[in-house]
């Protein structure tokens, strides 16, 4: 994974659902766990959500938070 793909993923806005409008990095961990159990959506968004699941699972969100864009 390259740096730009990671930065793009953490700054992607959730386009639907209960947390629409939130940056993927700011999604609650239980929501990402639910997606992991149900299956991530197909395509780029699904890949980004899977990445955010791994970030949360490994406790890396505080390290990546400075990369969030307003």
C-alpha atoms as a PDB file:
ATOM      1  CA  UNK A   1       0.000   0.000   0.000  1.00  0.00           C
ATOM      2  CA  UNK A   2       1.344   3.397  -0.876  1.00  0.00           C
ATOM      3  CA  UNK A   3       1.144   6.485   1.319  1.00  0.00           C
ATOM      4  CA  UNK A   4      -1.289   8.328  -0.949  1.00  0.00           C
ATOM      5  CA  UNK A   5      -3.781   5.440  -0.850  1.00  0.00           C
ATOM      6  CA  UNK A   6      -3.624   5.425   2.957  1.00  0.00           C
ATOM      7  CA  UNK A   7      -4.103   9.202   3.182  1.00  0.00           C
ATOM      8  CA  UNK A   8      -6.988   9.004   0.720  1.00  0.00           C
ATOM      9  CA  UNK A   9      -8.629   6.216   2.730  1.00  0.00           C
ATOM     10  CA  UNK A  10      -8.464   7.985   6.084  1.00  0.00           C
ATOM     11  CA  UNK A  11      -9.861  11.157   4.517  1.00  0.00           C
ATOM     12  CA  UNK A  12     -12.649   9.436   2.567  1.00  0.00           C
ATOM     13  CA  UNK A  13     -16.114  10.432   3.767  1.00  0.00           C
ATOM     14  CA  UNK A  14     -18.622   7.693   4.522  1.00  0.00           C
ATOM     15  CA  UNK A  15     -21.251   8.131   1.787  1.00  0.00           C
ATOM     16  CA  UNK A  16     -24.207   6.310   3.369  1.00  0.00           C
ATOM     17  CA  UNK A  17     -25.729   4.884   6.520  1.00  0.00           C
ATOM     18  CA  UNK A  18     -25.811   5.934  10.123  1.00  0.00           C
ATOM     19  CA  UNK A  19     -22.373   7.567   9.915  1.00  0.00           C
ATOM     20  CA  UNK A  20     -22.737   9.281   6.525  1.00  0.00           C
ATOM     21  CA  UNK A  21     -20.507  12.338   6.334  1.00  0.00           C
ATOM     22  CA  UNK A  22     -17.859  11.088   8.779  1.00  0.00           C
ATOM     23  CA  UNK A  23     -14.275  10.468   7.745  1.00  0.00           C
ATOM     24  CA  UNK A  24     -13.535   6.750   7.592  1.00  0.00           C
ATOM     25  CA  UNK A  25     -10.828   7.098  10.241  1.00  0.00           C
ATOM     26  CA  UNK A  26     -13.452   8.515  12.623  1.00  0.00           C
ATOM     27  CA  UNK A  27     -15.919   5.654  12.232  1.00  0.00           C
ATOM     28  CA  UNK A  28     -16.545   3.756  15.475  1.00  0.00           C
ATOM     29  CA  UNK A  29     -14.773   0.429  15.756  1.00  0.00           C
ATOM     30  CA  UNK A  30     -18.000  -1.559  16.384  1.00  0.00           C
ATOM     31  CA  UNK A  31     -19.363  -0.284  13.063  1.00  0.00           C
ATOM     32  CA  UNK A  32     -16.269  -1.529  11.244  1.00  0.00           C
ATOM     33  CA  UNK A  33     -16.462  -4.854  13.094  1.00  0.00           C
ATOM     34  CA  UNK A  34     -20.076  -5.165  11.918  1.00  0.00           C
ATOM     35  CA  UNK A  35     -18.967  -4.585   8.312  1.00  0.00           C
ATOM     36  CA  UNK A  36     -16.187  -7.136   8.726  1.00  0.00           C
ATOM     37  CA  UNK A  37     -18.721  -9.749   9.873  1.00  0.00           C
ATOM     38  CA  UNK A  38     -21.369  -8.869   7.249  1.00  0.00           C
ATOM     39  CA  UNK A  39     -18.953  -8.282   4.398  1.00  0.00           C
ATOM     40  CA  UNK A  40     -17.456  -5.035   3.205  1.00  0.00           C
ATOM     41  CA  UNK A  41     -19.066  -3.381   0.163  1.00  0.00           C
ATOM     42  CA  UNK A  42     -17.537  -4.165  -3.216  1.00  0.00           C
ATOM     43  CA  UNK A  43     -15.018  -1.828  -4.782  1.00  0.00           C
ATOM     44  CA  UNK A  44     -12.775   0.903  -3.503  1.00  0.00           C
ATOM     45  CA  UNK A  45     -14.964   1.892  -0.542  1.00  0.00           C
ATOM     46  CA  UNK A  46     -14.990  -1.687   0.699  1.00  0.00           C
ATOM     47  CA  UNK A  47     -11.208  -1.856   0.467  1.00  0.00           C
ATOM     48  CA  UNK A  48     -10.914   1.421   2.367  1.00  0.00           C
ATOM     49  CA  UNK A  49     -13.316   0.240   5.079  1.00  0.00           C
ATOM     50  CA  UNK A  50     -11.340  -3.004   5.417  1.00  0.00           C
ATOM     51  CA  UNK A  51      -8.182  -0.942   5.816  1.00  0.00           C
ATOM     52  CA  UNK A  52      -9.810   1.204   8.522  1.00  0.00           C
ATOM     53  CA  UNK A  53     -10.886  -1.999  10.281  1.00  0.00           C
ATOM     54  CA  UNK A  54      -7.233  -3.099  10.369  1.00  0.00           C
ATOM     55  CA  UNK A  55      -6.126   0.357  11.545  1.00  0.00           C
ATOM     56  CA  UNK A  56      -8.610   0.260  14.450  1.00  0.00           C
ATOM     57  CA  UNK A  57      -7.877  -3.377  15.254  1.00  0.00           C
ATOM     58  CA  UNK A  58      -4.186  -2.538  15.630  1.00  0.00           C
ATOM     59  CA  UNK A  59      -4.736   0.725  17.546  1.00  0.00           C
ATOM     60  CA  UNK A  60      -3.140   2.954  14.902  1.00  0.00           C
ATOM     61  CA  UNK A  61      -5.791   5.682  14.611  1.00  0.00           C
ATOM     62  CA  UNK A  62      -3.976   8.144  16.926  1.00  0.00           C
ATOM     63  CA  UNK A  63      -0.850   7.807  14.787  1.00  0.00           C
ATOM     64  CA  UNK A  64      -2.823   8.544  11.597  1.00  0.00           C
ATOM     65  CA  UNK A  65      -5.065  11.313  13.002  1.00  0.00           C
ATOM     66  CA  UNK A  66      -2.573  14.084  12.092  1.00  0.00           C
ATOM     67  CA  UNK A  67      -3.070  13.154   8.424  1.00  0.00           C
ATOM     68  CA  UNK A  68      -6.784  14.053   8.490  1.00  0.00           C
ATOM     69  CA  UNK A  69      -7.732  16.971   6.280  1.00  0.00           C
ATOM     70  CA  UNK A  70     -10.493  19.360   7.232  1.00  0.00           C
END
